[in-house]
Amino acid sequence: MVERRAGLGLLSHLVLILGVLVIALPVYITFVASTHSNQDIIHPPMPLWPGSKLVENYTAVLTGTQEGGGSKAAVGRMMTVSLVSALVIAIGKIAISLLSAFAIVYFRFPFRMFFFWAIFMTLMLPVEVRIAPTYKVVADLGMLNTYAGLTVPLIASATATFLFRQFFLTVPDELTEAARMDGAGPMRFFLDVLVPLSSTSIAALFVIQFIYGWNQYLWPLLVTTSEDMYPVVIGIKRMISGGDAQTEWGAVMATAMLAMIPPALVVMLMQRWFVKGLVDTEK
């Protein structure tokens, strides 16, 4: 039993409050900046309270009618691109990892462990390392400025395959024998037994992979040259103009606030399954 002490409780609460302030203050400043005109932001001191341009700034970036020298792509379109890409990457990674882990654990075929370690070794070769040959393949296949080009090179996941393999190894052999005696084939056993047992792990990985897909920057920066295929993270960078052109910082900050909403919603809505998938002692 954990001993409760008033001093330690107060200290822990102070640390938590400090952590919340450190995280929340930049978000609050971003929100405040998104509600002011560009002149209010660039002339010190910057306001610390919300202004009167909230509806105007957010409407402008969602429809692509903002001023400034940067990109005029509509944020609504960019968020759609990011959402589709993040969902395809997350679901694709989970589906492929489940099937590959299932094959490695439950099927006996030549060089089974060799293929597993070959998959595992790809952890040492992230997209940043193999980005040049990957880009050439995508370009040769005509997948630039497409959803396939944004997602297919990022779908495979050695980490998820390893996690599912380790979980499948803990499933009792008696459960496998019982399913075989009941006449369940491999895919029936996979769909009706293994996938439900893996639900919390799937939920945890979905949250991680969705945020991973949503926050992609380097790869979309290479494979997208058309404004209608910009993810929202790229859109934020493109809206910041260089040289003597004026950057509309209210629009940039409004876009940044909108870009935070989907990942935050996914984490909040799936928090219980996410935590359970990470700390479940039965696994």
Protein backbone atom coordinates (compact mmCIF):
# COMPACT_ATOMS: atom_id res chain seq x y z
CA MET A 1 0.00 0.00 0.00
CA VAL A 2 1.31 3.46 -0.95
CA GLU A 3 1.76 5.74 2.05
CA ARG A 4 0.03 9.09 1.68
CA ARG A 5 1.78 12.17 3.01
CA ALA A 6 0.41 15.73 2.87
CA GLY A 7 3.76 17.23 1.86
CA LEU A 8 4.33 14.79 -0.98
CA GLY A 9 0.75 15.25 -2.16
CA LEU A 10 1.16 19.02 -2.26
CA LEU A 11 4.49 18.72 -4.09
CA SER A 12 3.04 16.35 -6.69
CA HIS A 13 0.14 18.72 -7.31
CA LEU A 14 2.51 21.66 -7.72
CA VAL A 15 4.59 19.72 -10.22
CA LEU A 16 1.45 18.78 -12.17
CA ILE A 17 0.19 22.36 -12.17
CA LEU A 18 3.59 23.60 -13.36
CA GLY A 19 3.59 21.00 -16.14
CA VAL A 20 0.10 22.04 -17.25
CA LEU A 21 1.13 25.70 -17.33
CA VAL A 22 4.26 24.94 -19.37
CA ILE A 23 2.17 23.03 -21.92
CA ALA A 24 -0.92 25.24 -21.90
CA LEU A 25 0.75 28.66 -22.07
CA PRO A 26 2.04 28.32 -25.68
CA VAL A 27 -1.36 26.95 -26.73
CA TYR A 28 -3.10 29.92 -25.10
CA ILE A 29 -0.73 32.42 -26.74
CA THR A 30 -1.39 30.74 -30.10
CA PHE A 31 -5.15 31.00 -29.58
CA VAL A 32 -4.91 34.66 -28.55
CA ALA A 33 -2.80 35.46 -31.62
CA SER A 34 -5.36 33.72 -33.83
CA THR A 35 -8.04 36.19 -32.69
CA HIS A 36 -6.14 39.40 -33.51
CA SER A 37 -5.22 41.25 -36.66
CA ASN A 38 -1.69 41.10 -38.00
CA GLN A 39 -0.98 44.66 -36.89
CA ASP A 40 -1.93 43.86 -33.29
CA ILE A 41 0.45 40.89 -33.25
CA ILE A 42 3.56 42.43 -34.81
CA HIS A 43 3.45 45.67 -32.81
CA PRO A 44 4.58 45.12 -29.19
CA PRO A 45 3.36 44.51 -26.66
CA MET A 46 1.41 41.56 -28.01
CA PRO A 47 -2.12 41.29 -26.54
CA LEU A 48 -2.66 38.63 -23.89
CA TRP A 49 -6.44 38.54 -24.19
CA PRO A 50 -8.57 37.27 -27.10
CA GLY A 51 -9.45 39.86 -29.73
CA SER A 52 -12.33 40.51 -32.07
CA LYS A 53 -10.99 38.73 -35.19
CA LEU A 54 -11.74 35.15 -34.11
CA VAL A 55 -14.57 34.42 -36.56
CA GLU A 56 -12.95 36.43 -39.35
CA ASN A 57 -9.54 34.72 -39.09
CA TYR A 58 -10.89 31.19 -38.78
CA THR A 59 -13.37 31.66 -41.62
CA ALA A 60 -10.62 33.09 -43.84
CA VAL A 61 -8.22 30.17 -43.34
CA LEU A 62 -10.93 27.53 -43.70
CA THR A 63 -12.00 28.98 -47.05
CA GLY A 64 -8.55 30.09 -48.27
CA THR A 65 -9.39 33.82 -48.41
CA GLN A 66 -6.73 35.04 -45.96
CA GLU A 67 -4.36 37.85 -46.88
CA GLY A 68 -0.55 37.80 -46.77
CA GLY A 69 2.21 36.61 -49.05
CA GLY A 70 2.12 32.91 -48.18
CA SER A 71 0.03 30.01 -49.44
CA LYS A 72 -3.71 30.62 -49.87
CA ALA A 73 -4.70 26.95 -49.74
CA ALA A 74 -7.94 26.36 -47.85
CA VAL A 75 -7.26 24.83 -44.44
CA GLY A 76 -10.47 22.81 -44.70
CA ARG A 77 -8.99 20.97 -47.69
CA MET A 78 -5.61 20.57 -45.99
CA MET A 79 -7.21 19.08 -42.88
CA THR A 80 -9.12 16.63 -45.08
CA VAL A 81 -5.85 15.53 -46.69
CA SER A 82 -4.22 15.14 -43.26
CA LEU A 83 -7.20 13.22 -41.88
CA VAL A 84 -7.34 10.77 -44.78
CA SER A 85 -3.57 10.26 -44.69
CA ALA A 86 -3.49 9.73 -40.91
CA LEU A 87 -6.39 7.24 -41.00
CA VAL A 88 -4.91 5.26 -43.90
CA ILE A 89 -1.48 5.14 -42.23
CA ALA A 90 -2.89 4.11 -38.83
CA ILE A 91 -5.33 1.49 -40.13
CA GLY A 92 -2.86 0.21 -42.73
CA LYS A 93 -0.06 -0.19 -40.19
CA ILE A 94 -2.32 -2.06 -37.77
CA ALA A 95 -3.81 -4.37 -40.44
CA ILE A 96 -0.46 -5.28 -42.00
CA SER A 97 1.21 -5.72 -38.60
CA LEU A 98 -1.58 -7.97 -37.32
CA LEU A 99 -1.39 -10.22 -40.37
CA SER A 100 2.40 -10.38 -40.44
CA ALA A 101 2.63 -11.16 -36.71
CA PHE A 102 -0.09 -13.82 -37.11
CA ALA A 103 1.82 -15.48 -39.94
CA ILE A 104 5.14 -15.43 -38.06
CA VAL A 105 3.69 -16.93 -34.85
CA TYR A 106 1.14 -19.46 -36.12
CA PHE A 107 2.53 -20.68 -39.44
CA ARG A 108 5.58 -22.83 -39.96
CA PHE A 109 7.30 -21.93 -43.23
CA PRO A 110 10.95 -21.89 -44.38
CA PHE A 111 13.07 -18.99 -43.10
CA ARG A 112 10.27 -17.84 -40.80
CA MET A 113 12.58 -16.25 -38.24
CA PHE A 114 14.76 -14.81 -40.98
CA PHE A 115 11.80 -12.87 -42.32
CA PHE A 116 10.87 -11.73 -38.83
CA TRP A 117 14.35 -10.37 -38.18
CA ALA A 118 14.40 -8.81 -41.66
CA ILE A 119 11.22 -6.93 -40.70
CA PHE A 120 12.69 -6.01 -37.33
CA MET A 121 15.90 -4.69 -38.90
CA THR A 122 13.90 -2.08 -40.83
CA LEU A 123 13.71 -0.18 -37.53
CA MET A 124 17.26 0.89 -38.33
CA LEU A 125 16.16 2.26 -41.70
CA PRO A 126 13.46 4.92 -41.12
CA VAL A 127 12.01 6.93 -43.97
CA GLU A 128 14.59 9.69 -43.44
CA VAL A 129 17.43 7.25 -44.21
CA ARG A 130 15.88 5.74 -47.35
CA ILE A 131 14.08 8.86 -48.50
CA ALA A 132 15.92 9.32 -51.82
CA PRO A 133 15.28 5.82 -53.27
CA THR A 134 11.73 5.85 -51.86
CA TYR A 135 11.03 9.16 -53.57
CA LYS A 136 12.39 7.82 -56.88
CA VAL A 137 10.12 4.76 -56.70
CA VAL A 138 7.08 6.91 -55.86
CA ALA A 139 7.90 9.35 -58.68
CA ASP A 140 8.44 6.55 -61.22
CA LEU A 141 5.05 5.07 -60.30
CA GLY A 142 3.33 8.43 -60.83
CA MET A 143 2.25 8.70 -57.19
CA LEU A 144 3.34 12.29 -56.54
CA ASN A 145 0.52 14.54 -55.30
CA THR A 146 -1.67 11.54 -54.51
CA TYR A 147 -2.98 9.95 -51.33
CA ALA A 148 -1.13 6.75 -52.26
CA GLY A 149 2.17 8.63 -52.44
CA LEU A 150 1.51 10.22 -49.05
CA THR A 151 0.59 7.00 -47.27
CA VAL A 152 1.91 3.80 -48.89
CA PRO A 153 5.63 4.36 -48.09
CA LEU A 154 4.73 4.96 -44.42
CA ILE A 155 2.33 2.06 -43.84
CA ALA A 156 4.73 -0.77 -42.94
CA SER A 157 5.63 -0.87 -39.23
CA ALA A 158 8.21 -3.17 -37.68
CA THR A 159 7.39 -1.86 -34.20
CA ALA A 160 3.71 -2.81 -34.41
CA THR A 161 4.61 -6.21 -35.89
CA PHE A 162 6.97 -6.89 -33.00
CA LEU A 163 4.37 -5.83 -30.39
CA PHE A 164 1.64 -8.01 -31.87
CA ARG A 165 4.04 -10.94 -32.17
CA GLN A 166 4.96 -10.67 -28.51
CA PHE A 167 1.28 -10.61 -27.55
CA PHE A 168 0.36 -13.57 -29.77
CA LEU A 169 3.12 -15.59 -28.11
CA THR A 170 1.30 -15.17 -24.77
CA VAL A 171 -1.98 -16.63 -26.08
CA PRO A 172 -2.35 -20.12 -24.52
CA ASP A 173 -1.87 -23.08 -26.84
CA GLU A 174 -5.05 -24.58 -25.36
CA LEU A 175 -7.05 -21.75 -26.93
CA THR A 176 -5.58 -22.54 -30.32
CA GLU A 177 -6.32 -26.25 -29.91
CA ALA A 178 -9.89 -25.53 -28.81
CA ALA A 179 -10.49 -23.38 -31.87
CA ARG A 180 -9.05 -26.09 -34.11
CA MET A 181 -11.26 -28.75 -32.52
CA ASP A 182 -14.32 -26.55 -33.10
CA GLY A 183 -13.49 -26.48 -36.80
CA ALA A 184 -12.22 -22.90 -36.94
CA GLY A 185 -9.82 -22.26 -39.78
CA PRO A 186 -6.81 -19.94 -39.54
CA MET A 187 -8.67 -16.80 -40.58
CA ARG A 188 -11.66 -17.60 -38.38
CA PHE A 189 -9.31 -18.05 -35.41
CA PHE A 190 -7.57 -14.80 -36.34
CA LEU A 191 -10.75 -12.74 -36.70
CA ASP A 192 -12.83 -14.23 -33.88
CA VAL A 193 -10.15 -14.86 -31.26
CA LEU A 194 -6.90 -12.97 -31.80
CA VAL A 195 -8.29 -9.64 -33.03
CA PRO A 196 -10.77 -9.24 -30.10
CA LEU A 197 -8.04 -10.18 -27.63
CA SER A 198 -5.80 -7.54 -29.20
CA SER A 199 -8.40 -4.76 -29.05
CA THR A 200 -6.67 -2.67 -26.39
CA SER A 201 -3.30 -2.97 -28.13
CA ILE A 202 -4.96 -2.00 -31.41
CA ALA A 203 -6.52 1.07 -29.77
CA ALA A 204 -3.21 2.17 -28.26
CA LEU A 205 -1.37 1.71 -31.55
CA PHE A 206 -4.14 3.52 -33.44
CA VAL A 207 -3.68 6.62 -31.27
CA ILE A 208 0.11 6.57 -31.69
CA GLN A 209 0.01 5.91 -35.44
CA PHE A 210 -2.75 8.45 -36.09
CA ILE A 211 -0.69 11.20 -34.45
CA TYR A 212 2.38 9.94 -36.33
CA GLY A 213 0.53 10.20 -39.64
CA TRP A 214 -1.05 13.56 -38.81
CA ASN A 215 2.29 15.16 -37.87
CA GLN A 216 4.21 13.98 -40.95
CA TYR A 217 6.27 16.82 -42.42
CA LEU A 218 9.39 15.69 -44.28
CA TRP A 219 7.81 13.09 -46.55
CA PRO A 220 4.77 15.20 -47.57
CA LEU A 221 7.15 18.12 -48.17
CA LEU A 222 8.81 16.04 -50.92
CA VAL A 223 5.84 14.33 -52.57
CA THR A 224 3.37 17.24 -52.64
CA THR A 225 3.83 20.19 -54.96
CA SER A 226 0.18 21.02 -55.53
CA GLU A 227 -1.68 23.16 -52.99
CA ASP A 228 -4.76 20.93 -53.05
CA MET A 229 -2.66 18.03 -51.68
CA TYR A 230 -0.91 19.89 -48.86
CA PRO A 231 -1.39 18.32 -45.41
CA VAL A 232 -2.13 20.89 -42.74
CA VAL A 233 1.39 20.70 -41.24
CA ILE A 234 2.88 21.61 -44.63
CA GLY A 235 0.21 24.27 -45.03
CA ILE A 236 1.35 26.04 -41.88
CA LYS A 237 4.90 26.24 -43.24
CA ARG A 238 3.72 27.40 -46.69
CA MET A 239 1.65 30.20 -45.13
CA ILE A 240 4.79 31.76 -43.63
CA SER A 241 6.13 33.91 -46.44
CA GLY A 242 9.79 34.71 -46.91
CA GLY A 243 11.60 37.83 -48.02
CA ASP A 244 9.77 41.15 -47.88
CA ALA A 245 6.28 39.65 -48.16
CA GLN A 246 4.13 40.07 -45.09
CA THR A 247 3.10 36.99 -43.14
CA GLU A 248 -0.47 37.00 -41.87
CA TRP A 249 0.31 35.67 -38.40
CA GLY A 250 -3.31 35.63 -37.26
CA ALA A 251 -4.12 33.20 -40.07
CA VAL A 252 -1.04 31.10 -39.32
CA MET A 253 -1.97 30.81 -35.66
CA ALA A 254 -5.59 30.01 -36.53
CA THR A 255 -4.35 27.20 -38.77
CA ALA A 256 -2.11 25.91 -35.99
CA MET A 257 -5.06 25.84 -33.58
CA LEU A 258 -7.22 23.96 -36.08
CA ALA A 259 -4.38 21.49 -36.69
CA MET A 260 -4.32 20.61 -32.97
CA ILE A 261 -7.99 19.64 -32.79
CA PRO A 262 -8.15 16.18 -34.48
CA PRO A 263 -5.15 14.64 -32.63
CA ALA A 264 -6.43 16.06 -29.33
CA LEU A 265 -9.90 14.62 -29.97
CA VAL A 266 -8.45 11.19 -30.80
CA VAL A 267 -6.42 11.16 -27.59
CA MET A 268 -9.33 12.34 -25.44
CA LEU A 269 -11.91 9.98 -26.95
CA MET A 270 -9.61 6.94 -26.82
CA GLN A 271 -7.72 7.77 -23.63
CA ARG A 272 -9.13 4.87 -21.62
CA TRP A 273 -8.31 2.24 -24.26
CA PHE A 274 -4.95 3.88 -24.95
CA VAL A 275 -3.84 3.67 -21.32
CA LYS A 276 -5.22 0.15 -20.92
CA GLY A 277 -3.38 -1.00 -24.02
CA LEU A 278 -0.09 0.31 -22.64
CA VAL A 279 -0.35 -0.89 -19.03
CA ASP A 280 -2.57 -3.99 -19.17
CA THR A 281 -0.75 -6.46 -16.91
CA GLU A 282 -2.30 -9.47 -18.62
CA LYS A 283 -0.13 -8.78 -21.65
